[in-house]
Amino acid sequence: PVSKSTAQAPPPLKRRQSKEVADANPDVTETRKSISGTAAAASPSPPTPGFDLDNLDEFVTKPAPHGQTVQCRLTRDTRGLDKKKFPWYYLHLERDDGKKVFLLAARRRKKSKTSNYIISTDPTDLARDGESYKGKLRSNFMGTQFTVFDCGVNPLKGEALSDGSNVREELAAVIYETNVFGIKGPRKMSVIIPAMGIDRSRLSVRPKRAEESLVERWKHNDMENLLCLHNKTPQWNDETQSYVLNFQGRVTKASVKNFQIIHPE
């Protein structure tokens, strides 16, 4: 288990501040074991109630049940020479009895020019043409913009049906503000997701042209039927010489991967 720690003081460069974010409340008792490499920065909400996971494919692709909290843990597996460079990731639902339920697995594709991850509901089958393939996460060349697609087809590759019913949906986009060398402190991000209809189902976003994508719509402030979320700004703590957010003790180590996503309203 990784022991609790506070962030180290930033380097003695006057213009530079550490991008890492520590827990503002590190004294809260933390009983869960934290696996090395785990982004254990989820919301400290009450235990997750019971969910119907008989149809896993449906559960992971639909909005969370109204009025309920879904608390999960993401684990990065870097064991083995191959996984050092191309790690695998596992997402588990944390139940109120302390047990974990597998939801999703992902791996980085080896022959892609940019960061490209396969997402599957089967931890043993992460093939692009596998039956459990649910979509992918792809970044731009700079690694500052990421888009999550479902398993539909690329409309630019000539495989789309005339009615566009099999064109891939864009499920989310993440945009990082450019922050070279961490001079501006912790990185800032925006998360763009489709809004929900009156029936609480996700509104479909199926771009057929590049300018219709979530990222391009965000750039042009075309946010109809979309939601824009941001990471909560951490505060500088003079005592620990680090940026902090209150994770209620769930965070065990200062990291740039510790963040909280909020709606500005």
C-alpha atoms as a PDB file:
ATOM      1  CA  PRO A   1       0.000   0.000   0.000  1.00  0.00           C
ATOM      2  CA  VAL A   2       1.125   3.510  -0.722  1.00  0.00           C
ATOM      3  CA  SER A   3       1.521   5.477   2.484  1.00  0.00           C
ATOM      4  CA  LYS A   4      -0.005   8.916   2.872  1.00  0.00           C
ATOM      5  CA  SER A   5       2.273  11.781   2.032  1.00  0.00           C
ATOM      6  CA  THR A   6       2.211  15.455   1.335  1.00  0.00           C
ATOM      7  CA  ALA A   7       3.587  17.109  -1.745  1.00  0.00           C
ATOM      8  CA  GLN A   8       7.230  18.066  -1.857  1.00  0.00           C
ATOM      9  CA  ALA A   9       8.217  21.719  -1.976  1.00  0.00           C
ATOM     10  CA  PRO A  10       8.454  23.095  -5.529  1.00  0.00           C
ATOM     11  CA  PRO A  11      11.864  23.499  -7.155  1.00  0.00           C
ATOM     12  CA  PRO A  12      13.721  26.738  -6.354  1.00  0.00           C
ATOM     13  CA  LEU A  13      12.745  28.346  -9.656  1.00  0.00           C
ATOM     14  CA  LYS A  14      10.874  31.526  -8.883  1.00  0.00           C
ATOM     15  CA  ARG A  15       8.566  31.262 -11.872  1.00  0.00           C
ATOM     16  CA  ARG A  16       7.742  27.597 -11.461  1.00  0.00           C
ATOM     17  CA  GLN A  17       5.206  26.008  -9.139  1.00  0.00           C
ATOM     18  CA  SER A  18       4.509  22.311  -8.769  1.00  0.00           C
ATOM     19  CA  LYS A  19       1.591  21.028 -10.846  1.00  0.00           C
ATOM     20  CA  GLU A  20       0.866  18.284  -8.309  1.00  0.00           C
ATOM     21  CA  VAL A  21      -2.286  18.414  -6.190  1.00  0.00           C
ATOM     22  CA  ALA A  22      -2.357  17.006  -2.660  1.00  0.00           C
ATOM     23  CA  ASP A  23      -5.240  16.227  -0.308  1.00  0.00           C
ATOM     24  CA  ALA A  24      -6.251  19.177   1.871  1.00  0.00           C
ATOM     25  CA  ASN A  25      -7.509  16.724   4.496  1.00  0.00           C
ATOM     26  CA  PRO A  26      -4.827  14.000   4.722  1.00  0.00           C
ATOM     27  CA  ASP A  27      -5.637  13.064   8.316  1.00  0.00           C
ATOM     28  CA  VAL A  28      -8.940  11.371   7.486  1.00  0.00           C
ATOM     29  CA  THR A  29      -8.589   7.618   8.026  1.00  0.00           C
ATOM     30  CA  GLU A  30      -8.208   5.807   4.708  1.00  0.00           C
ATOM     31  CA  THR A  31      -8.784   2.063   4.897  1.00  0.00           C
ATOM     32  CA  ARG A  32      -8.670   1.192   1.209  1.00  0.00           C
ATOM     33  CA  LYS A  33      -5.479  -0.165  -0.260  1.00  0.00           C
ATOM     34  CA  SER A  34      -4.129   2.096  -3.004  1.00  0.00           C
ATOM     35  CA  ILE A  35      -2.443   0.278  -5.880  1.00  0.00           C
ATOM     36  CA  SER A  36       0.665   1.955  -7.267  1.00  0.00           C
ATOM     37  CA  GLY A  37      -0.313   3.934 -10.326  1.00  0.00           C
ATOM     38  CA  THR A  38      -3.991   4.189  -9.336  1.00  0.00           C
ATOM     39  CA  ALA A  39      -5.706   7.512  -9.875  1.00  0.00           C
ATOM     40  CA  ALA A  40      -7.516   7.346  -6.524  1.00  0.00           C
ATOM     41  CA  ALA A  41      -9.079  10.772  -6.663  1.00  0.00           C
ATOM     42  CA  ALA A  42     -12.769  10.001  -6.987  1.00  0.00           C
ATOM     43  CA  SER A  43     -15.433  11.922  -5.111  1.00  0.00           C
ATOM     44  CA  PRO A  44     -15.721  10.995  -1.397  1.00  0.00           C
ATOM     45  CA  SER A  45     -19.431  10.239  -1.752  1.00  0.00           C
ATOM     46  CA  PRO A  46     -21.443   7.808   0.388  1.00  0.00           C
ATOM     47  CA  PRO A  47     -21.151   4.088  -0.478  1.00  0.00           C
ATOM     48  CA  THR A  48     -22.558   3.214  -3.864  1.00  0.00           C
ATOM     49  CA  PRO A  49     -26.037   1.661  -3.650  1.00  0.00           C
ATOM     50  CA  GLY A  50     -26.882  -1.531  -5.479  1.00  0.00           C
ATOM     51  CA  PHE A  51     -27.082  -1.372  -9.270  1.00  0.00           C
ATOM     52  CA  ASP A  52     -28.484  -3.738 -11.840  1.00  0.00           C
ATOM     53  CA  LEU A  53     -25.386  -4.887 -13.696  1.00  0.00           C
ATOM     54  CA  ASP A  54     -26.977  -7.786 -15.547  1.00  0.00           C
ATOM     55  CA  ASN A  55     -26.601  -5.787 -18.769  1.00  0.00           C
ATOM     56  CA  LEU A  56     -23.092  -4.386 -18.386  1.00  0.00           C
ATOM     57  CA  ASP A  57     -22.991  -2.979 -21.927  1.00  0.00           C
ATOM     58  CA  GLU A  58     -26.053  -0.868 -21.220  1.00  0.00           C
ATOM     59  CA  PHE A  59     -24.871   0.237 -17.777  1.00  0.00           C
ATOM     60  CA  VAL A  60     -21.504   1.607 -18.964  1.00  0.00           C
ATOM     61  CA  THR A  61     -22.920   3.498 -21.951  1.00  0.00           C
ATOM     62  CA  LYS A  62     -25.908   5.195 -20.312  1.00  0.00           C
ATOM     63  CA  PRO A  63     -25.976   8.136 -17.862  1.00  0.00           C
ATOM     64  CA  ALA A  64     -25.731   7.234 -14.185  1.00  0.00           C
ATOM     65  CA  PRO A  65     -29.086   6.508 -12.474  1.00  0.00           C
ATOM     66  CA  HIS A  66     -30.745   9.720 -11.354  1.00  0.00           C
ATOM     67  CA  GLY A  67     -30.118  10.619  -7.713  1.00  0.00           C
ATOM     68  CA  GLN A  68     -27.486   7.911  -7.183  1.00  0.00           C
ATOM     69  CA  THR A  69     -23.712   8.109  -6.880  1.00  0.00           C
ATOM     70  CA  VAL A  70     -21.494   5.788  -8.887  1.00  0.00           C
ATOM     71  CA  GLN A  71     -18.149   5.497  -7.101  1.00  0.00           C
ATOM     72  CA  CYS A  72     -15.380   3.734  -9.005  1.00  0.00           C
ATOM     73  CA  ARG A  73     -11.659   3.053  -8.845  1.00  0.00           C
ATOM     74  CA  LEU A  74      -9.312   3.185 -11.815  1.00  0.00           C
ATOM     75  CA  THR A  75      -6.230   0.961 -11.720  1.00  0.00           C
ATOM     76  CA  ARG A  76      -3.232   1.115 -14.035  1.00  0.00           C
ATOM     77  CA  ASP A  77      -1.406  -2.156 -14.687  1.00  0.00           C
ATOM     78  CA  THR A  78       2.230  -1.720 -15.726  1.00  0.00           C
ATOM     79  CA  ARG A  79       3.462  -5.209 -14.847  1.00  0.00           C
ATOM     80  CA  GLY A  80       5.646  -6.721 -17.549  1.00  0.00           C
ATOM     81  CA  LEU A  81       8.007  -5.186 -20.083  1.00  0.00           C
ATOM     82  CA  ASP A  82       5.303  -4.529 -22.662  1.00  0.00           C
ATOM     83  CA  LYS A  83       2.923  -2.839 -20.221  1.00  0.00           C
ATOM     84  CA  LYS A  84       5.593  -0.429 -19.020  1.00  0.00           C
ATOM     85  CA  LYS A  85       5.153   1.478 -22.268  1.00  0.00           C
ATOM     86  CA  PHE A  86       1.627   0.368 -23.118  1.00  0.00           C
ATOM     87  CA  PRO A  87      -0.207  -0.016 -19.786  1.00  0.00           C
ATOM     88  CA  TRP A  88      -3.637  -1.543 -19.289  1.00  0.00           C
ATOM     89  CA  TYR A  89      -6.348   0.122 -17.222  1.00  0.00           C
ATOM     90  CA  TYR A  90      -9.227  -1.382 -15.241  1.00  0.00           C
ATOM     91  CA  LEU A  91     -12.313   0.421 -13.956  1.00  0.00           C
ATOM     92  CA  HIS A  92     -14.189  -1.164 -11.042  1.00  0.00           C
ATOM     93  CA  LEU A  93     -17.411  -0.169  -9.324  1.00  0.00           C
ATOM     94  CA  GLU A  94     -16.975   0.069  -5.543  1.00  0.00           C
ATOM     95  CA  ARG A  95     -19.920  -1.537  -3.768  1.00  0.00           C
ATOM     96  CA  ASP A  96     -21.195  -0.586  -0.334  1.00  0.00           C
ATOM     97  CA  ASP A  97     -19.999  -3.937   1.042  1.00  0.00           C
ATOM     98  CA  GLY A  98     -16.398  -3.100   0.108  1.00  0.00           C
ATOM     99  CA  LYS A  99     -16.240  -5.418  -2.882  1.00  0.00           C
ATOM    100  CA  LYS A 100     -15.337  -4.337  -6.406  1.00  0.00           C
ATOM    101  CA  VAL A 101     -17.239  -5.097  -9.616  1.00  0.00           C
ATOM    102  CA  PHE A 102     -15.458  -4.940 -12.975  1.00  0.00           C
ATOM    103  CA  LEU A 103     -16.872  -2.434 -15.461  1.00  0.00           C
ATOM    104  CA  LEU A 104     -14.336  -1.553 -18.166  1.00  0.00           C
ATOM    105  CA  ALA A 105     -10.798  -2.253 -19.347  1.00  0.00           C
ATOM    106  CA  ALA A 106      -8.611  -0.243 -21.704  1.00  0.00           C
ATOM    107  CA  ARG A 107      -5.216  -0.539 -23.329  1.00  0.00           C
ATOM    108  CA  ARG A 108      -3.055   1.760 -25.393  1.00  0.00           C
ATOM    109  CA  ARG A 109      -2.710   0.804 -29.043  1.00  0.00           C
ATOM    110  CA  LYS A 110       0.872   0.221 -30.121  1.00  0.00           C
ATOM    111  CA  LYS A 111       0.895   1.426 -33.726  1.00  0.00           C
ATOM    112  CA  SER A 112      -0.946   4.719 -33.340  1.00  0.00           C
ATOM    113  CA  LYS A 113       0.760   8.043 -34.026  1.00  0.00           C
ATOM    114  CA  THR A 114      -1.169   9.664 -31.150  1.00  0.00           C
ATOM    115  CA  SER A 115      -2.456   8.360 -27.820  1.00  0.00           C
ATOM    116  CA  ASN A 116      -5.177   5.875 -28.738  1.00  0.00           C
ATOM    117  CA  TYR A 117      -6.886   3.530 -26.280  1.00  0.00           C
ATOM    118  CA  ILE A 118      -9.220   0.587 -26.883  1.00  0.00           C
ATOM    119  CA  ILE A 119     -12.097   0.305 -24.376  1.00  0.00           C
ATOM    120  CA  SER A 120     -13.815  -3.037 -23.666  1.00  0.00           C
ATOM    121  CA  THR A 121     -16.209  -4.681 -21.206  1.00  0.00           C
ATOM    122  CA  ASP A 122     -14.058  -7.829 -21.241  1.00  0.00           C
ATOM    123  CA  PRO A 123     -10.686  -7.574 -19.416  1.00  0.00           C
ATOM    124  CA  THR A 124      -9.358 -10.508 -21.457  1.00  0.00           C
ATOM    125  CA  ASP A 125     -10.453  -9.258 -24.883  1.00  0.00           C
ATOM    126  CA  LEU A 126      -9.218  -5.785 -25.840  1.00  0.00           C
ATOM    127  CA  ALA A 127      -9.127  -6.317 -29.589  1.00  0.00           C
ATOM    128  CA  ARG A 128     -10.437  -3.625 -31.958  1.00  0.00           C
ATOM    129  CA  ASP A 129     -12.711  -6.217 -33.610  1.00  0.00           C
ATOM    130  CA  GLY A 130     -13.648  -8.014 -30.382  1.00  0.00           C
ATOM    131  CA  GLU A 131     -17.266  -8.641 -29.348  1.00  0.00           C
ATOM    132  CA  SER A 132     -16.788  -6.607 -26.167  1.00  0.00           C
ATOM    133  CA  TYR A 133     -15.273  -3.569 -27.896  1.00  0.00           C
ATOM    134  CA  LYS A 134     -17.189  -0.489 -26.724  1.00  0.00           C
ATOM    135  CA  GLY A 135     -15.196   2.398 -28.146  1.00  0.00           C
ATOM    136  CA  LYS A 136     -11.925   4.258 -27.967  1.00  0.00           C
ATOM    137  CA  LEU A 137     -10.198   7.329 -26.584  1.00  0.00           C
ATOM    138  CA  ARG A 138      -8.045   9.290 -29.030  1.00  0.00           C
ATOM    139  CA  SER A 139      -5.904  12.411 -28.590  1.00  0.00           C
ATOM    140  CA  ASN A 140      -4.562  15.036 -30.941  1.00  0.00           C
ATOM    141  CA  PHE A 141      -0.854  15.174 -31.802  1.00  0.00           C
ATOM    142  CA  MET A 142      -0.003  17.507 -28.896  1.00  0.00           C
ATOM    143  CA  GLY A 143      -1.877  15.427 -26.332  1.00  0.00           C
ATOM    144  CA  THR A 144      -4.017  18.405 -25.276  1.00  0.00           C
ATOM    145  CA  GLN A 145      -7.364  17.310 -26.733  1.00  0.00           C
ATOM    146  CA  PHE A 146      -9.007  13.924 -26.205  1.00  0.00           C
ATOM    147  CA  THR A 147     -12.228  12.493 -27.624  1.00  0.00           C
ATOM    148  CA  VAL A 148     -14.164   9.404 -26.525  1.00  0.00           C
ATOM    149  CA  PHE A 149     -15.984   7.544 -29.330  1.00  0.00           C
ATOM    150  CA  ASP A 150     -18.367   4.612 -29.175  1.00  0.00           C
ATOM    151  CA  CYS A 151     -17.992   1.570 -31.459  1.00  0.00           C
ATOM    152  CA  GLY A 152     -19.659   3.136 -34.520  1.00  0.00           C
ATOM    153  CA  VAL A 153     -17.879   3.678 -37.840  1.00  0.00           C
ATOM    154  CA  ASN A 154     -15.822   6.671 -38.920  1.00  0.00           C
ATOM    155  CA  PRO A 155     -18.011   8.728 -41.322  1.00  0.00           C
ATOM    156  CA  LEU A 156     -14.925   9.692 -43.353  1.00  0.00           C
ATOM    157  CA  LYS A 157     -13.995   6.109 -44.255  1.00  0.00           C
ATOM    158  CA  GLY A 158     -16.945   5.323 -46.531  1.00  0.00           C
ATOM    159  CA  GLU A 159     -18.548   2.700 -44.298  1.00  0.00           C
ATOM    160  CA  ALA A 160     -21.430   4.860 -43.091  1.00  0.00           C
ATOM    161  CA  LEU A 161     -25.002   3.981 -44.039  1.00  0.00           C
ATOM    162  CA  SER A 162     -27.013   6.504 -46.021  1.00  0.00           C
ATOM    163  CA  ASP A 163     -29.097   7.405 -42.958  1.00  0.00           C
ATOM    164  CA  GLY A 164     -25.981   7.732 -40.754  1.00  0.00           C
ATOM    165  CA  SER A 165     -27.381   5.303 -38.173  1.00  0.00           C
ATOM    166  CA  ASN A 166     -24.086   3.421 -37.821  1.00  0.00           C
ATOM    167  CA  VAL A 167     -21.883   6.531 -37.583  1.00  0.00           C
ATOM    168  CA  ARG A 168     -19.928   6.642 -34.332  1.00  0.00           C
ATOM    169  CA  GLU A 169     -21.100   8.825 -31.471  1.00  0.00           C
ATOM    170  CA  GLU A 170     -18.831  11.195 -29.599  1.00  0.00           C
ATOM    171  CA  LEU A 171     -19.400  10.535 -25.903  1.00  0.00           C
ATOM    172  CA  ALA A 172     -17.039  13.103 -24.387  1.00  0.00           C
ATOM    173  CA  ALA A 173     -14.132  15.415 -25.072  1.00  0.00           C
ATOM    174  CA  VAL A 174     -11.400  16.623 -22.717  1.00  0.00           C
ATOM    175  CA  ILE A 175      -9.395  19.758 -23.500  1.00  0.00           C
ATOM    176  CA  TYR A 176      -6.296  20.724 -21.516  1.00  0.00           C
ATOM    177  CA  GLU A 177      -5.098  24.315 -21.367  1.00  0.00           C
ATOM    178  CA  THR A 178      -1.551  24.581 -22.705  1.00  0.00           C
ATOM    179  CA  ASN A 179       0.795  24.824 -19.734  1.00  0.00           C
ATOM    180  CA  VAL A 180       4.427  24.381 -20.743  1.00  0.00           C
ATOM    181  CA  PHE A 181       6.746  23.303 -17.904  1.00  0.00           C
ATOM    182  CA  GLY A 182       4.020  23.891 -15.310  1.00  0.00           C
ATOM    183  CA  ILE A 183       4.762  27.618 -15.017  1.00  0.00           C
ATOM    184  CA  LYS A 184       1.084  28.400 -14.480  1.00  0.00           C
ATOM    185  CA  GLY A 185       0.616  25.800 -11.753  1.00  0.00           C
ATOM    186  CA  PRO A 186      -1.720  22.765 -12.013  1.00  0.00           C
ATOM    187  CA  ARG A 187      -3.151  22.117 -15.432  1.00  0.00           C
ATOM    188  CA  LYS A 188      -6.675  23.239 -16.250  1.00  0.00           C
ATOM    189  CA  MET A 189      -9.133  21.129 -18.171  1.00  0.00           C
ATOM    190  CA  SER A 190     -12.578  21.370 -19.709  1.00  0.00           C
ATOM    191  CA  VAL A 191     -14.809  18.328 -20.200  1.00  0.00           C
ATOM    192  CA  ILE A 192     -17.502  18.445 -22.880  1.00  0.00           C
ATOM    193  CA  ILE A 193     -20.350  15.910 -22.762  1.00  0.00           C
ATOM    194  CA  PRO A 194     -23.718  15.642 -24.525  1.00  0.00           C
ATOM    195  CA  ALA A 195     -26.674  16.884 -22.485  1.00  0.00           C
ATOM    196  CA  MET A 196     -29.605  14.654 -21.508  1.00  0.00           C
ATOM    197  CA  GLY A 197     -33.159  14.817 -22.824  1.00  0.00           C
ATOM    198  CA  ILE A 198     -36.310  15.028 -20.716  1.00  0.00           C
ATOM    199  CA  ASP A 199     -36.271  11.225 -20.455  1.00  0.00           C
ATOM    200  CA  ARG A 200     -32.761  11.438 -18.919  1.00  0.00           C
ATOM    201  CA  SER A 201     -31.155   9.677 -21.874  1.00  0.00           C
ATOM    202  CA  ARG A 202     -28.006  11.062 -23.493  1.00  0.00           C
ATOM    203  CA  LEU A 203     -28.581  13.183 -26.584  1.00  0.00           C
ATOM    204  CA  SER A 204     -26.807  11.691 -29.575  1.00  0.00           C
ATOM    205  CA  VAL A 205     -23.830  13.511 -31.098  1.00  0.00           C
ATOM    206  CA  ARG A 206     -22.814  11.898 -34.416  1.00  0.00           C
ATOM    207  CA  PRO A 207     -20.524  14.323 -36.305  1.00  0.00           C
ATOM    208  CA  LYS A 208     -20.284  13.691 -40.028  1.00  0.00           C
ATOM    209  CA  ARG A 209     -17.799  16.511 -40.542  1.00  0.00           C
ATOM    210  CA  ALA A 210     -14.812  17.677 -38.497  1.00  0.00           C
ATOM    211  CA  GLU A 211     -16.429  21.008 -37.657  1.00  0.00           C
ATOM    212  CA  GLU A 212     -19.347  19.170 -36.006  1.00  0.00           C
ATOM    213  CA  SER A 213     -17.128  17.438 -33.431  1.00  0.00           C
ATOM    214  CA  LEU A 214     -17.346  18.213 -29.717  1.00  0.00           C
ATOM    215  CA  VAL A 215     -13.925  19.862 -29.678  1.00  0.00           C
ATOM    216  CA  GLU A 216     -14.657  22.112 -32.660  1.00  0.00           C
ATOM    217  CA  ARG A 217     -18.062  23.082 -31.299  1.00  0.00           C
ATOM    218  CA  TRP A 218     -16.434  24.007 -27.997  1.00  0.00           C
ATOM    219  CA  LYS A 219     -13.847  26.124 -29.805  1.00  0.00           C
ATOM    220  CA  HIS A 220     -16.607  28.050 -31.593  1.00  0.00           C
ATOM    221  CA  ASN A 221     -18.806  28.293 -28.485  1.00  0.00           C
ATOM    222  CA  ASP A 222     -21.533  26.229 -30.139  1.00  0.00           C
ATOM    223  CA  MET A 223     -22.736  24.530 -26.947  1.00  0.00           C
ATOM    224  CA  GLU A 224     -26.366  23.777 -27.760  1.00  0.00           C
ATOM    225  CA  ASN A 225     -27.365  20.470 -26.105  1.00  0.00           C
ATOM    226  CA  LEU A 226     -23.871  20.155 -24.615  1.00  0.00           C
ATOM    227  CA  LEU A 227     -22.506  20.488 -21.084  1.00  0.00           C
ATOM    228  CA  CYS A 228     -19.121  22.002 -20.259  1.00  0.00           C
ATOM    229  CA  LEU A 229     -17.495  20.916 -16.997  1.00  0.00           C
ATOM    230  CA  HIS A 230     -14.221  22.134 -15.490  1.00  0.00           C
ATOM    231  CA  ASN A 231     -11.724  20.904 -12.939  1.00  0.00           C
ATOM    232  CA  LYS A 232     -12.014  22.621  -9.580  1.00  0.00           C
ATOM    233  CA  THR A 233      -9.161  25.060  -9.005  1.00  0.00           C
ATOM    234  CA  PRO A 234      -6.862  23.870  -6.175  1.00  0.00           C
ATOM    235  CA  GLN A 235      -5.615  26.292  -3.541  1.00  0.00           C
ATOM    236  CA  TRP A 236      -1.974  26.924  -2.650  1.00  0.00           C
ATOM    237  CA  ASN A 237      -1.058  25.791   0.860  1.00  0.00           C
ATOM    238  CA  ASP A 238       1.951  27.634   2.344  1.00  0.00           C
ATOM    239  CA  GLU A 239       2.414  25.040   5.075  1.00  0.00           C
ATOM    240  CA  THR A 240       2.791  22.063   2.740  1.00  0.00           C
ATOM    241  CA  GLN A 241       4.120  24.162  -0.161  1.00  0.00           C
ATOM    242  CA  SER A 242       1.692  22.485  -2.537  1.00  0.00           C
ATOM    243  CA  TYR A 243      -1.666  22.888  -4.251  1.00  0.00           C
ATOM    244  CA  VAL A 244      -4.448  21.136  -2.353  1.00  0.00           C
ATOM    245  CA  LEU A 245      -8.073  20.032  -2.731  1.00  0.00           C
ATOM    246  CA  ASN A 246     -10.225  18.305  -0.140  1.00  0.00           C
ATOM    247  CA  PHE A 247     -10.519  14.644  -1.112  1.00  0.00           C
ATOM    248  CA  GLN A 248     -11.572  13.588   2.413  1.00  0.00           C
ATOM    249  CA  GLY A 249      -8.438  11.482   2.786  1.00  0.00           C
ATOM    250  CA  ARG A 250      -9.086   9.392  -0.324  1.00  0.00           C
ATOM    251  CA  VAL A 251      -5.951  10.691  -2.027  1.00  0.00           C
ATOM    252  CA  THR A 252      -2.775   9.148  -0.611  1.00  0.00           C
ATOM    253  CA  LYS A 253      -0.139  10.862  -2.735  1.00  0.00           C
ATOM    254  CA  ALA A 254       0.242  14.281  -4.368  1.00  0.00           C
ATOM    255  CA  SER A 255      -0.107  13.984  -8.140  1.00  0.00           C
ATOM    256  CA  VAL A 256      -1.099  15.936 -11.263  1.00  0.00           C
ATOM    257  CA  LYS A 257      -3.700  13.187 -11.729  1.00  0.00           C
ATOM    258  CA  ASN A 258      -5.658  14.319  -8.653  1.00  0.00           C
ATOM    259  CA  PHE A 259      -8.568  16.486  -9.757  1.00  0.00           C
ATOM    260  CA  GLN A 260     -12.271  17.130  -9.219  1.00  0.00           C
ATOM    261  CA  ILE A 261     -14.650  17.839 -12.107  1.00  0.00           C
ATOM    262  CA  ILE A 262     -17.475  20.280 -11.371  1.00  0.00           C
ATOM    263  CA  HIS A 263     -20.243  22.128 -13.199  1.00  0.00           C
ATOM    264  CA  PRO A 264     -19.587  25.900 -13.071  1.00  0.00           C
ATOM    265  CA  GLU A 265     -23.244  26.601 -12.284  1.00  0.00           C
END
